[in-house]
Amino acid sequence: MNMGRPRLAHCITAALVAFCSATSVAGYPDRPLRIVVPYPAGGPVDITARALGPKLTEALGETVVVDNRGGAGGVLGSDIVAKSAPDGYTLLMCTTANAINASLLRALPYDMVKDFAPVSLLVIIPRCRSIRFPTLLPMPRRGPASSLTRPPATARRRTLRPSSSRP
């Protein structure tokens, strides 16, 4: 399902209104804002930030710079924002990966609850229910799982652990 340009424009406008009303302190902003995208350029988070940047520049009258800081599943870029001054000039494009990182990684250099303040929900991406492109399921050429029908039969014959590598 495609979100479409009109719906994306509505989401961006709503985010701008929420952001601008939250930052209505006199004199803000008086210098450029930085949106840190903790992922490489060209992905959906980067595209959203780059669509939001010019609209924020228009609404706030100050330059907005998108800064891609990919690495470690979003941890590196998030850490940069967590360690920046809490003055509203450095923003993070956060995704569900940030919440997942907090539950999977033992020691994050920041605390998602204490080090960040939510500003706005920008985009909701619906889950895909149908697969339009071929999906590859790699399997060894020889052994008990050499075809799609053999793994269930093999599992019924003997006990295999999910991470088992025995033939």
Protein backbone atom coordinates (compact mmCIF):
# COMPACT_ATOMS: atom_id res chain seq x y z
CA MET A 1 0.00 0.00 0.00
CA ASN A 2 1.43 3.36 -1.03
CA MET A 3 1.07 6.23 1.39
CA GLY A 4 0.73 8.74 -1.46
CA ARG A 5 1.87 12.32 -1.72
CA PRO A 6 -1.28 13.97 -0.28
CA ARG A 7 -1.17 11.86 2.88
CA LEU A 8 2.58 12.42 3.28
CA ALA A 9 2.02 16.17 2.88
CA HIS A 10 -0.64 16.07 5.61
CA CYS A 11 1.70 14.20 7.95
CA ILE A 12 4.51 16.68 7.32
CA THR A 13 2.17 19.64 7.84
CA ALA A 14 0.90 18.17 11.12
CA ALA A 15 4.49 17.63 12.26
CA LEU A 16 5.36 21.22 11.37
CA VAL A 17 2.41 22.60 13.33
CA ALA A 18 3.29 20.47 16.35
CA PHE A 19 6.97 21.37 16.12
CA CYS A 20 6.37 25.09 15.59
CA SER A 21 3.89 25.34 18.46
CA ALA A 22 6.27 23.49 20.77
CA THR A 23 9.11 25.83 19.85
CA SER A 24 7.30 29.15 20.09
CA VAL A 25 9.91 30.53 22.51
CA ALA A 26 10.85 34.08 21.56
CA GLY A 27 13.87 34.18 19.26
CA TYR A 28 13.82 30.49 18.41
CA PRO A 29 15.39 29.51 16.11
CA ASP A 30 18.25 31.95 15.75
CA ARG A 31 20.66 29.51 14.11
CA PRO A 32 20.42 26.48 11.77
CA LEU A 33 18.70 23.30 12.95
CA ARG A 34 20.19 19.86 12.44
CA ILE A 35 18.15 16.72 11.79
CA VAL A 36 20.29 13.65 12.45
CA VAL A 37 19.25 10.59 10.48
CA PRO A 38 20.91 7.57 12.12
CA TYR A 39 20.85 5.61 8.86
CA PRO A 40 22.63 5.84 5.49
CA ALA A 41 21.40 8.25 2.82
CA GLY A 42 18.72 7.09 0.42
CA GLY A 43 16.53 5.05 2.78
CA PRO A 44 12.96 5.85 3.84
CA VAL A 45 14.03 7.72 6.98
CA ASP A 46 16.45 9.87 5.00
CA ILE A 47 13.84 10.60 2.32
CA THR A 48 11.34 11.66 5.00
CA ALA A 49 13.90 13.94 6.66
CA ARG A 50 14.83 15.51 3.33
CA ALA A 51 11.15 16.14 2.56
CA LEU A 52 10.67 17.68 6.01
CA GLY A 53 13.81 19.87 5.92
CA PRO A 54 12.66 22.44 3.33
CA LYS A 55 9.20 22.66 4.91
CA LEU A 56 10.74 23.36 8.32
CA THR A 57 13.06 25.93 6.74
CA GLU A 58 10.01 27.64 5.24
CA ALA A 59 7.99 27.54 8.46
CA LEU A 60 10.78 28.55 10.85
CA GLY A 61 12.77 30.91 8.65
CA GLU A 62 16.03 29.18 9.49
CA THR A 63 18.12 26.62 7.61
CA VAL A 64 17.55 22.96 8.41
CA VAL A 65 20.43 20.56 7.68
CA VAL A 66 19.91 16.80 7.31
CA ASP A 67 22.92 14.93 8.69
CA ASN A 68 23.16 11.19 7.93
CA ARG A 69 25.12 9.36 10.64
CA GLY A 70 24.50 5.70 9.89
CA GLY A 71 26.06 2.82 11.74
CA ALA A 72 25.39 0.24 14.44
CA GLY A 73 21.69 0.00 13.62
CA GLY A 74 21.03 3.64 14.43
CA VAL A 75 23.02 3.73 17.67
CA LEU A 76 25.79 6.05 16.40
CA GLY A 77 23.46 8.79 15.16
CA SER A 78 21.22 8.50 18.21
CA ASP A 79 24.24 8.82 20.49
CA ILE A 80 25.27 12.06 18.75
CA VAL A 81 21.84 13.55 19.47
CA ALA A 82 21.79 12.24 23.05
CA LYS A 83 25.12 13.94 23.76
CA SER A 84 24.18 17.24 22.06
CA ALA A 85 22.96 20.23 24.02
CA PRO A 86 19.23 19.95 24.87
CA ASP A 87 18.44 23.26 23.19
CA GLY A 88 16.11 22.11 20.40
CA TYR A 89 18.59 22.65 17.59
CA THR A 90 19.49 18.98 17.12
CA LEU A 91 16.65 16.63 16.20
CA LEU A 92 16.65 12.87 15.69
CA MET A 93 14.66 10.97 13.09
CA CYS A 94 13.77 8.04 15.32
CA THR A 95 12.25 4.73 14.19
CA THR A 96 11.08 1.57 15.90
CA ALA A 97 14.66 0.33 15.57
CA ASN A 98 15.58 2.63 18.44
CA ALA A 99 13.11 0.87 20.74
CA ILE A 100 14.31 -2.51 19.50
CA ASN A 101 17.95 -1.54 20.15
CA ALA A 102 17.06 -0.67 23.74
CA SER A 103 15.71 -4.19 24.29
CA LEU A 104 18.39 -6.09 22.34
CA LEU A 105 21.64 -4.37 23.20
CA ARG A 106 23.04 -4.65 26.71
CA ALA A 107 24.77 -1.32 26.96
CA LEU A 108 23.55 1.59 24.89
CA PRO A 109 25.48 4.85 25.32
CA TYR A 110 22.16 6.63 25.97
CA ASP A 111 18.77 6.05 27.61
CA MET A 112 15.84 6.31 25.19
CA VAL A 113 13.49 7.57 27.91
CA LYS A 114 15.77 10.00 29.77
CA ASP A 115 17.91 11.38 26.94
CA PHE A 116 15.22 12.13 24.33
CA ALA A 117 11.98 14.10 24.26
CA PRO A 118 9.37 13.16 21.64
CA VAL A 119 8.37 15.99 19.31
CA SER A 120 6.02 14.50 16.73
CA LEU A 121 4.94 11.35 14.94
CA LEU A 122 5.82 11.94 11.29
CA VAL A 123 5.02 8.83 9.27
CA ILE A 124 3.31 5.51 9.74
CA ILE A 125 4.37 2.96 7.16
CA PRO A 126 1.77 0.19 6.73
CA ARG A 127 3.04 -3.34 6.71
CA CYS A 128 3.12 -5.19 3.42
CA ARG A 129 0.61 -8.03 3.25
CA SER A 130 1.55 -9.38 -0.13
CA ILE A 131 4.94 -10.10 -1.60
CA ARG A 132 5.30 -8.78 -5.13
CA PHE A 133 8.95 -9.63 -5.61
CA PRO A 134 10.49 -13.08 -5.40
CA THR A 135 11.82 -13.93 -1.97
CA LEU A 136 14.93 -16.05 -1.75
CA LEU A 137 15.20 -18.71 0.91
CA PRO A 138 18.83 -19.86 0.89
CA MET A 139 19.39 -23.53 1.72
CA PRO A 140 22.38 -25.83 1.44
CA ARG A 141 22.52 -27.90 -1.75
CA ARG A 142 22.98 -31.13 0.22
CA GLY A 143 21.63 -32.21 3.54
CA PRO A 144 18.27 -32.48 5.26
CA ALA A 145 17.05 -29.01 4.24
CA SER A 146 17.86 -29.06 0.52
CA SER A 147 14.26 -28.36 -0.57
CA LEU A 148 11.20 -26.62 0.84
CA THR A 149 9.45 -29.90 1.66
CA ARG A 150 12.36 -31.55 3.44
CA PRO A 151 12.80 -29.33 6.56
CA PRO A 152 9.36 -30.22 8.06
CA ALA A 153 9.95 -33.91 7.35
CA THR A 154 13.42 -33.72 8.89
CA ALA A 155 12.07 -31.95 11.96
CA ARG A 156 9.48 -34.70 12.47
CA ARG A 157 12.14 -37.44 12.25
CA ARG A 158 14.64 -35.96 14.71
CA THR A 159 15.03 -33.14 17.17
CA LEU A 160 16.71 -30.08 15.71
CA ARG A 161 17.41 -26.90 17.57
CA PRO A 162 16.77 -23.64 15.67
CA SER A 163 20.51 -22.92 15.55
CA SER A 164 21.54 -26.49 14.86
CA SER A 165 24.10 -27.06 12.14
CA ARG A 166 24.26 -30.82 12.31
CA PRO A 167 23.36 -32.70 9.11
